[in-house]
Amino acid sequence: MDNIIIIFTNRTDTLRLYECLRQIGIRGVIVPSPNQLAHSCGISLKTQYRNLDKALYCIRKMNLKSFDHIYLEKKNMYQTSYVKVL
């Protein structure tokens, strides 16, 4: 199961996206932003990759202007890395 990390430069927009996804039945988790992605506000939203379209829908619908990037989380036995999706 692949996860995505959605990065904002504003904590409020992160929480607004979380609420929008929750209202349409999509599970997301507020997590500390990974150190490699430190240009963010400190918190990020993590959800499954299959929810990418719905997350983008909410970002556009709510006009979340502090949206920064979306990263695909890649894990192996020893480390976690992130690949920029959008």
PDB file of N, CA and C in Angstrom:
ATOM      1  N   MET A   1       0.847  -1.181   0.000  1.00  0.00           N
ATOM      2  CA  MET A   1       0.000   0.000   0.000  1.00  0.00           C
ATOM      3  C   MET A   1       0.892   1.244   0.000  1.00  0.00           C
ATOM      4  N   ASP A   2       0.783   2.045  -1.042  1.00  0.00           N
ATOM      5  CA  ASP A   2       1.574   3.267  -1.149  1.00  0.00           C
ATOM      6  C   ASP A   2       0.834   4.428  -0.510  1.00  0.00           C
ATOM      7  N   ASN A   3       1.593   5.268   0.155  1.00  0.00           N
ATOM      8  CA  ASN A   3       1.033   6.455   0.792  1.00  0.00           C
ATOM      9  C   ASN A   3       1.582   7.707   0.128  1.00  0.00           C
ATOM     10  N   ILE A   4       0.810   8.780   0.235  1.00  0.00           N
ATOM     11  CA  ILE A   4       1.270  10.086  -0.210  1.00  0.00           C
ATOM     12  C   ILE A   4       1.305  11.018   0.990  1.00  0.00           C
ATOM     13  N   ILE A   5       2.209  11.964   0.920  1.00  0.00           N
ATOM     14  CA  ILE A   5       2.338  13.013   1.926  1.00  0.00           C
ATOM     15  C   ILE A   5       1.997  14.320   1.220  1.00  0.00           C
ATOM     16  N   ILE A   6       1.010  15.031   1.754  1.00  0.00           N
ATOM     17  CA  ILE A   6       0.563  16.296   1.148  1.00  0.00           C
ATOM     18  C   ILE A   6       1.083  17.432   2.028  1.00  0.00           C
ATOM     19  N   ILE A   7       1.838  18.320   1.401  1.00  0.00           N
ATOM     20  CA  ILE A   7       2.553  19.376   2.104  1.00  0.00           C
ATOM     21  C   ILE A   7       1.887  20.731   1.844  1.00  0.00           C
ATOM     22  N   PHE A   8       1.733  21.484   2.915  1.00  0.00           N
ATOM     23  CA  PHE A   8       1.244  22.860   2.838  1.00  0.00           C
ATOM     24  C   PHE A   8       2.247  23.769   3.541  1.00  0.00           C
ATOM     25  N   THR A   9       2.188  25.041   3.267  1.00  0.00           N
ATOM     26  CA  THR A   9       3.021  26.009   3.987  1.00  0.00           C
ATOM     27  C   THR A   9       2.237  26.657   5.119  1.00  0.00           C
ATOM     28  N   ASN A  10       1.034  26.180   5.347  1.00  0.00           N
ATOM     29  CA  ASN A  10       0.138  26.775   6.329  1.00  0.00           C
ATOM     30  C   ASN A  10      -0.596  25.642   7.062  1.00  0.00           C
ATOM     31  N   ARG A  11      -0.540  25.631   8.366  1.00  0.00           N
ATOM     32  CA  ARG A  11      -1.167  24.569   9.160  1.00  0.00           C
ATOM     33  C   ARG A  11      -2.689  24.541   8.986  1.00  0.00           C
ATOM     34  N   THR A  12      -3.292  25.705   8.868  1.00  0.00           N
ATOM     35  CA  THR A  12      -4.745  25.785   8.748  1.00  0.00           C
ATOM     36  C   THR A  12      -5.233  25.041   7.511  1.00  0.00           C
ATOM     37  N   ASP A  13      -4.549  25.210   6.395  1.00  0.00           N
ATOM     38  CA  ASP A  13      -4.963  24.524   5.173  1.00  0.00           C
ATOM     39  C   ASP A  13      -4.776  23.014   5.292  1.00  0.00           C
ATOM     40  N   THR A  14      -3.753  22.576   5.995  1.00  0.00           N
ATOM     41  CA  THR A  14      -3.568  21.140   6.238  1.00  0.00           C
ATOM     42  C   THR A  14      -4.779  20.587   6.971  1.00  0.00           C
ATOM     43  N   LEU A  15      -5.221  21.280   7.986  1.00  0.00           N
ATOM     44  CA  LEU A  15      -6.375  20.835   8.768  1.00  0.00           C
ATOM     45  C   LEU A  15      -7.671  20.929   7.968  1.00  0.00           C
ATOM     46  N   ARG A  16      -7.779  21.921   7.113  1.00  0.00           N
ATOM     47  CA  ARG A  16      -8.971  22.044   6.272  1.00  0.00           C
ATOM     48  C   ARG A  16      -9.057  20.892   5.276  1.00  0.00           C
ATOM     49  N   LEU A  17      -7.927  20.495   4.702  1.00  0.00           N
ATOM     50  CA  LEU A  17      -7.925  19.347   3.793  1.00  0.00           C
ATOM     51  C   LEU A  17      -8.306  18.078   4.548  1.00  0.00           C
ATOM     52  N   TYR A  18      -7.762  17.906   5.734  1.00  0.00           N
ATOM     53  CA  TYR A  18      -8.099  16.744   6.559  1.00  0.00           C
ATOM     54  C   TYR A  18      -9.613  16.659   6.759  1.00  0.00           C
ATOM     55  N   GLU A  19     -10.223  17.778   7.093  1.00  0.00           N
ATOM     56  CA  GLU A  19     -11.663  17.813   7.351  1.00  0.00           C
ATOM     57  C   GLU A  19     -12.463  17.529   6.076  1.00  0.00           C
ATOM     58  N   CYS A  20     -12.054  18.095   4.953  1.00  0.00           N
ATOM     59  CA  CYS A  20     -12.739  17.850   3.681  1.00  0.00           C
ATOM     60  C   CYS A  20     -12.697  16.366   3.325  1.00  0.00           C
ATOM     61  N   LEU A  21     -11.535  15.754   3.451  1.00  0.00           N
ATOM     62  CA  LEU A  21     -11.413  14.325   3.150  1.00  0.00           C
ATOM     63  C   LEU A  21     -12.259  13.491   4.103  1.00  0.00           C
ATOM     64  N   ARG A  22     -12.252  13.857   5.367  1.00  0.00           N
ATOM     65  CA  ARG A  22     -13.047  13.126   6.357  1.00  0.00           C
ATOM     66  C   ARG A  22     -14.534  13.181   5.998  1.00  0.00           C
ATOM     67  N   GLN A  23     -14.992  14.319   5.548  1.00  0.00           N
ATOM     68  CA  GLN A  23     -16.405  14.486   5.207  1.00  0.00           C
ATOM     69  C   GLN A  23     -16.833  13.643   4.011  1.00  0.00           C
ATOM     70  N   ILE A  24     -15.890  13.312   3.129  1.00  0.00           N
ATOM     71  CA  ILE A  24     -16.251  12.467   1.985  1.00  0.00           C
ATOM     72  C   ILE A  24     -15.826  11.011   2.200  1.00  0.00           C
ATOM     73  N   GLY A  25     -15.469  10.691   3.440  1.00  0.00           N
ATOM     74  CA  GLY A  25     -15.192   9.303   3.796  1.00  0.00           C
ATOM     75  C   GLY A  25     -13.785   8.808   3.509  1.00  0.00           C
ATOM     76  N   ILE A  26     -12.841   9.722   3.338  1.00  0.00           N
ATOM     77  CA  ILE A  26     -11.448   9.343   3.064  1.00  0.00           C
ATOM     78  C   ILE A  26     -10.645   9.481   4.344  1.00  0.00           C
ATOM     79  N   ARG A  27      -9.904   8.427   4.664  1.00  0.00           N
ATOM     80  CA  ARG A  27      -9.082   8.444   5.864  1.00  0.00           C
ATOM     81  C   ARG A  27      -7.751   9.115   5.570  1.00  0.00           C
ATOM     82  N   GLY A  28      -7.419  10.081   6.380  1.00  0.00           N
ATOM     83  CA  GLY A  28      -6.121  10.743   6.325  1.00  0.00           C
ATOM     84  C   GLY A  28      -5.613  10.899   7.738  1.00  0.00           C
ATOM     85  N   VAL A  29      -4.325  11.096   7.872  1.00  0.00           N
ATOM     86  CA  VAL A  29      -3.709  11.237   9.185  1.00  0.00           C
ATOM     87  C   VAL A  29      -2.824  12.476   9.160  1.00  0.00           C
ATOM     88  N   ILE A  30      -2.947  13.300  10.190  1.00  0.00           N
ATOM     89  CA  ILE A  30      -2.051  14.440  10.344  1.00  0.00           C
ATOM     90  C   ILE A  30      -0.759  13.902  10.959  1.00  0.00           C
ATOM     91  N   VAL A  31       0.358  14.166  10.290  1.00  0.00           N
ATOM     92  CA  VAL A  31       1.654  13.666  10.750  1.00  0.00           C
ATOM     93  C   VAL A  31       2.662  14.813  10.753  1.00  0.00           C
ATOM     94  N   PRO A  32       3.715  14.689  11.559  1.00  0.00           N
ATOM     95  CA  PRO A  32       4.792  15.684  11.460  1.00  0.00           C
ATOM     96  C   PRO A  32       5.415  15.602  10.066  1.00  0.00           C
ATOM     97  N   SER A  33       5.750  16.732   9.500  1.00  0.00           N
ATOM     98  CA  SER A  33       6.383  16.731   8.180  1.00  0.00           C
ATOM     99  C   SER A  33       7.756  16.075   8.277  1.00  0.00           C
ATOM    100  N   PRO A  34       8.076  15.215   7.324  1.00  0.00           N
ATOM    101  CA  PRO A  34       9.395  14.583   7.332  1.00  0.00           C
ATOM    102  C   PRO A  34      10.512  15.630   7.251  1.00  0.00           C
ATOM    103  N   ASN A  35      11.636  15.337   7.886  1.00  0.00           N
ATOM    104  CA  ASN A  35      12.771  16.271   7.892  1.00  0.00           C
ATOM    105  C   ASN A  35      13.235  16.633   6.492  1.00  0.00           C
ATOM    106  N   GLN A  36      13.176  15.684   5.559  1.00  0.00           N
ATOM    107  CA  GLN A  36      13.614  15.946   4.196  1.00  0.00           C
ATOM    108  C   GLN A  36      12.731  16.985   3.510  1.00  0.00           C
ATOM    109  N   LEU A  37      11.532  17.176   4.032  1.00  0.00           N
ATOM    110  CA  LEU A  37      10.565  18.100   3.425  1.00  0.00           C
ATOM    111  C   LEU A  37      10.335  19.283   4.352  1.00  0.00           C
ATOM    112  N   ALA A  38      11.390  19.781   4.940  1.00  0.00           N
ATOM    113  CA  ALA A  38      11.310  20.773   6.018  1.00  0.00           C
ATOM    114  C   ALA A  38      10.774  22.129   5.595  1.00  0.00           C
ATOM    115  N   HIS A  39      10.569  22.370   4.309  1.00  0.00           N
ATOM    116  CA  HIS A  39      10.069  23.664   3.858  1.00  0.00           C
ATOM    117  C   HIS A  39       8.577  23.850   4.152  1.00  0.00           C
ATOM    118  N   SER A  40       7.983  22.883   4.825  1.00  0.00           N
ATOM    119  CA  SER A  40       6.545  22.934   5.092  1.00  0.00           C
ATOM    120  C   SER A  40       6.256  23.645   6.413  1.00  0.00           C
ATOM    121  N   CYS A  41       5.002  23.612   6.824  1.00  0.00           N
ATOM    122  CA  CYS A  41       4.574  24.279   8.043  1.00  0.00           C
ATOM    123  C   CYS A  41       4.822  23.442   9.296  1.00  0.00           C
ATOM    124  N   GLY A  42       5.299  22.230   9.142  1.00  0.00           N
ATOM    125  CA  GLY A  42       5.570  21.382  10.302  1.00  0.00           C
ATOM    126  C   GLY A  42       4.652  20.183  10.413  1.00  0.00           C
ATOM    127  N   ILE A  43       3.458  20.290   9.842  1.00  0.00           N
ATOM    128  CA  ILE A  43       2.555  19.141   9.800  1.00  0.00           C
ATOM    129  C   ILE A  43       2.137  18.890   8.358  1.00  0.00           C
ATOM    130  N   SER A  44       1.829  17.646   8.076  1.00  0.00           N
ATOM    131  CA  SER A  44       1.416  17.243   6.731  1.00  0.00           C
ATOM    132  C   SER A  44       0.244  16.287   6.846  1.00  0.00           C
ATOM    133  N   LEU A  45      -0.371  16.000   5.723  1.00  0.00           N
ATOM    134  CA  LEU A  45      -1.453  15.026   5.697  1.00  0.00           C
ATOM    135  C   LEU A  45      -0.972  13.797   4.934  1.00  0.00           C
ATOM    136  N   LYS A  46      -1.184  12.644   5.532  1.00  0.00           N
ATOM    137  CA  LYS A  46      -0.781  11.380   4.921  1.00  0.00           C
ATOM    138  C   LYS A  46      -2.039  10.583   4.617  1.00  0.00           C
ATOM    139  N   THR A  47      -2.122  10.067   3.395  1.00  0.00           N
ATOM    140  CA  THR A  47      -3.252   9.233   3.002  1.00  0.00           C
ATOM    141  C   THR A  47      -2.763   8.234   1.957  1.00  0.00           C
ATOM    142  N   GLN A  48      -3.613   7.329   1.571  1.00  0.00           N
ATOM    143  CA  GLN A  48      -3.232   6.335   0.579  1.00  0.00           C
ATOM    144  C   GLN A  48      -3.183   6.967  -0.816  1.00  0.00           C
ATOM    145  N   TYR A  49      -2.283   6.439  -1.635  1.00  0.00           N
ATOM    146  CA  TYR A  49      -2.103   6.956  -2.994  1.00  0.00           C
ATOM    147  C   TYR A  49      -3.406   6.919  -3.790  1.00  0.00           C
ATOM    148  N   ARG A  50      -4.216   5.916  -3.549  1.00  0.00           N
ATOM    149  CA  ARG A  50      -5.469   5.802  -4.307  1.00  0.00           C
ATOM    150  C   ARG A  50      -6.416   6.978  -4.049  1.00  0.00           C
ATOM    151  N   ASN A  51      -6.158   7.768  -3.013  1.00  0.00           N
ATOM    152  CA  ASN A  51      -6.991   8.932  -2.678  1.00  0.00           C
ATOM    153  C   ASN A  51      -6.473  10.226  -3.299  1.00  0.00           C
ATOM    154  N   LEU A  52      -5.459  10.138  -4.149  1.00  0.00           N
ATOM    155  CA  LEU A  52      -4.843  11.332  -4.723  1.00  0.00           C
ATOM    156  C   LEU A  52      -5.858  12.215  -5.449  1.00  0.00           C
ATOM    157  N   ASP A  53      -6.694  11.641  -6.287  1.00  0.00           N
ATOM    158  CA  ASP A  53      -7.680  12.445  -7.033  1.00  0.00           C
ATOM    159  C   ASP A  53      -8.654  13.160  -6.109  1.00  0.00           C
ATOM    160  N   LYS A  54      -9.082  12.482  -5.071  1.00  0.00           N
ATOM    161  CA  LYS A  54     -10.024  13.107  -4.130  1.00  0.00           C
ATOM    162  C   LYS A  54      -9.349  14.220  -3.335  1.00  0.00           C
ATOM    163  N   ALA A  55      -8.083  14.022  -2.994  1.00  0.00           N
ATOM    164  CA  ALA A  55      -7.347  15.073  -2.284  1.00  0.00           C
ATOM    165  C   ALA A  55      -7.193  16.303  -3.172  1.00  0.00           C
ATOM    166  N   LEU A  56      -6.845  16.095  -4.431  1.00  0.00           N
ATOM    167  CA  LEU A  56      -6.727  17.226  -5.357  1.00  0.00           C
ATOM    168  C   LEU A  56      -8.063  17.922  -5.553  1.00  0.00           C
ATOM    169  N   TYR A  57      -9.141  17.143  -5.596  1.00  0.00           N
ATOM    170  CA  TYR A  57     -10.477  17.728  -5.698  1.00  0.00           C
ATOM    171  C   TYR A  57     -10.729  18.667  -4.513  1.00  0.00           C
ATOM    172  N   CYS A  58     -10.436  18.212  -3.304  1.00  0.00           N
ATOM    173  CA  CYS A  58     -10.655  19.042  -2.109  1.00  0.00           C
ATOM    174  C   CYS A  58      -9.767  20.284  -2.121  1.00  0.00           C
ATOM    175  N   ILE A  59      -8.510  20.128  -2.541  1.00  0.00           N
ATOM    176  CA  ILE A  59      -7.592  21.277  -2.589  1.00  0.00           C
ATOM    177  C   ILE A  59      -8.137  22.338  -3.531  1.00  0.00           C
ATOM    178  N   ARG A  60      -8.649  21.913  -4.684  1.00  0.00           N
ATOM    179  CA  ARG A  60      -9.196  22.880  -5.653  1.00  0.00           C
ATOM    180  C   ARG A  60     -10.527  23.453  -5.181  1.00  0.00           C
ATOM    181  N   LYS A  61     -11.386  22.582  -4.680  1.00  0.00           N
ATOM    182  CA  LYS A  61     -12.720  23.002  -4.232  1.00  0.00           C
ATOM    183  C   LYS A  61     -12.630  24.046  -3.120  1.00  0.00           C
ATOM    184  N   MET A  62     -11.696  23.844  -2.203  1.00  0.00           N
ATOM    185  CA  MET A  62     -11.567  24.740  -1.058  1.00  0.00           C
ATOM    186  C   MET A  62     -10.572  25.864  -1.300  1.00  0.00           C
ATOM    187  N   ASN A  63      -9.968  25.875  -2.505  1.00  0.00           N
ATOM    188  CA  ASN A  63      -9.011  26.926  -2.867  1.00  0.00           C
ATOM    189  C   ASN A  63      -7.917  27.074  -1.805  1.00  0.00           C
ATOM    190  N   LEU A  64      -7.268  25.958  -1.479  1.00  0.00           N
ATOM    191  CA  LEU A  64      -6.232  25.941  -0.442  1.00  0.00           C
ATOM    192  C   LEU A  64      -4.924  26.473  -1.050  1.00  0.00           C
ATOM    193  N   LYS A  65      -4.701  27.753  -0.878  1.00  0.00           N
ATOM    194  CA  LYS A  65      -3.609  28.445  -1.559  1.00  0.00           C
ATOM    195  C   LYS A  65      -2.229  28.104  -1.025  1.00  0.00           C
ATOM    196  N   SER A  66      -2.150  27.554   0.173  1.00  0.00           N
ATOM    197  CA  SER A  66      -0.827  27.243   0.711  1.00  0.00           C
ATOM    198  C   SER A  66      -0.368  25.835   0.331  1.00  0.00           C
ATOM    199  N   PHE A  67      -1.130  25.154  -0.552  1.00  0.00           N
ATOM    200  CA  PHE A  67      -0.710  23.840  -1.033  1.00  0.00           C
ATOM    201  C   PHE A  67       0.669  23.973  -1.671  1.00  0.00           C
ATOM    202  N   ASP A  68       1.566  23.062  -1.312  1.00  0.00           N
ATOM    203  CA  ASP A  68       2.935  23.124  -1.813  1.00  0.00           C
ATOM    204  C   ASP A  68       3.230  21.964  -2.760  1.00  0.00           C
ATOM    205  N   HIS A  69       3.297  20.738  -2.225  1.00  0.00           N
ATOM    206  CA  HIS A  69       3.626  19.571  -3.043  1.00  0.00           C
ATOM    207  C   HIS A  69       2.972  18.313  -2.491  1.00  0.00           C
ATOM    208  N   ILE A  70       2.977  17.285  -3.336  1.00  0.00           N
ATOM    209  CA  ILE A  70       2.562  15.947  -2.924  1.00  0.00           C
ATOM    210  C   ILE A  70       3.735  15.013  -3.218  1.00  0.00           C
ATOM    211  N   TYR A  71       4.061  14.180  -2.230  1.00  0.00           N
ATOM    212  CA  TYR A  71       5.158  13.233  -2.359  1.00  0.00           C
ATOM    213  C   TYR A  71       4.646  11.816  -2.164  1.00  0.00           C
ATOM    214  N   LEU A  72       5.196  10.905  -2.928  1.00  0.00           N
ATOM    215  CA  LEU A  72       4.943   9.482  -2.750  1.00  0.00           C
ATOM    216  C   LEU A  72       5.968   8.971  -1.749  1.00  0.00           C
ATOM    217  N   GLU A  73       5.487   8.305  -0.719  1.00  0.00           N
ATOM    218  CA  GLU A  73       6.365   7.771   0.316  1.00  0.00           C
ATOM    219  C   GLU A  73       6.855   6.387  -0.118  1.00  0.00           C
ATOM    220  N   LYS A  74       8.157   6.229  -0.187  1.00  0.00           N
ATOM    221  CA  LYS A  74       8.774   4.952  -0.574  1.00  0.00           C
ATOM    222  C   LYS A  74       9.537   4.405   0.619  1.00  0.00           C
ATOM    223  N   LYS A  75       9.160   3.216   1.056  1.00  0.00           N
ATOM    224  CA  LYS A  75       9.838   2.600   2.200  1.00  0.00           C
ATOM    225  C   LYS A  75      10.535   1.336   1.763  1.00  0.00           C
ATOM    226  N   ASN A  76      11.712   1.127   2.309  1.00  0.00           N
ATOM    227  CA  ASN A  76      12.356  -0.165   2.176  1.00  0.00           C
ATOM    228  C   ASN A  76      12.784  -0.602   3.571  1.00  0.00           C
ATOM    229  N   MET A  77      13.541  -1.635   3.655  1.00  0.00           N
ATOM    230  CA  MET A  77      13.891  -2.190   4.952  1.00  0.00           C
ATOM    231  C   MET A  77      14.666  -1.199   5.820  1.00  0.00           C
ATOM    232  N   TYR A  78      15.416  -0.291   5.199  1.00  0.00           N
ATOM    233  CA  TYR A  78      16.333   0.549   5.957  1.00  0.00           C
ATOM    234  C   TYR A  78      15.961   2.024   6.035  1.00  0.00           C
ATOM    235  N   GLN A  79      15.188   2.506   5.094  1.00  0.00           N
ATOM    236  CA  GLN A  79      14.918   3.944   5.088  1.00  0.00           C
ATOM    237  C   GLN A  79      13.607   4.259   4.375  1.00  0.00           C
ATOM    238  N   THR A  80      13.173   5.506   4.563  1.00  0.00           N
ATOM    239  CA  THR A  80      12.022   6.036   3.859  1.00  0.00           C
ATOM    240  C   THR A  80      12.505   7.173   2.983  1.00  0.00           C
ATOM    241  N   SER A  81      12.064   7.185   1.737  1.00  0.00           N
ATOM    242  CA  SER A  81      12.403   8.277   0.835  1.00  0.00           C
ATOM    243  C   SER A  81      11.100   8.819   0.244  1.00  0.00           C
ATOM    244  N   TYR A  82      11.201   9.977  -0.394  1.00  0.00           N
ATOM    245  CA  TYR A  82      10.026  10.644  -0.929  1.00  0.00           C
ATOM    246  C   TYR A  82      10.272  11.063  -2.371  1.00  0.00           C
ATOM    247  N   VAL A  83       9.291  10.777  -3.215  1.00  0.00           N
ATOM    248  CA  VAL A  83       9.364  11.131  -4.625  1.00  0.00           C
ATOM    249  C   VAL A  83       8.259  12.138  -4.906  1.00  0.00           C
ATOM    250  N   LYS A  84       8.636  13.257  -5.487  1.00  0.00           N
ATOM    251  CA  LYS A  84       7.666  14.318  -5.777  1.00  0.00           C
ATOM    252  C   LYS A  84       6.702  13.848  -6.859  1.00  0.00           C
ATOM    253  N   VAL A  85       5.406  13.958  -6.548  1.00  0.00           N
ATOM    254  CA  VAL A  85       4.344  13.584  -7.490  1.00  0.00           C
ATOM    255  C   VAL A  85       3.786  14.835  -8.160  1.00  0.00           C
ATOM    256  N   LEU A  86       3.591  15.857  -7.372  1.00  0.00           N
ATOM    257  CA  LEU A  86       2.973  17.099  -7.876  1.00  0.00           C
ATOM    258  C   LEU A  86       3.455  18.279  -7.073  1.00  0.00           C
TER     259      LEU A  86
END
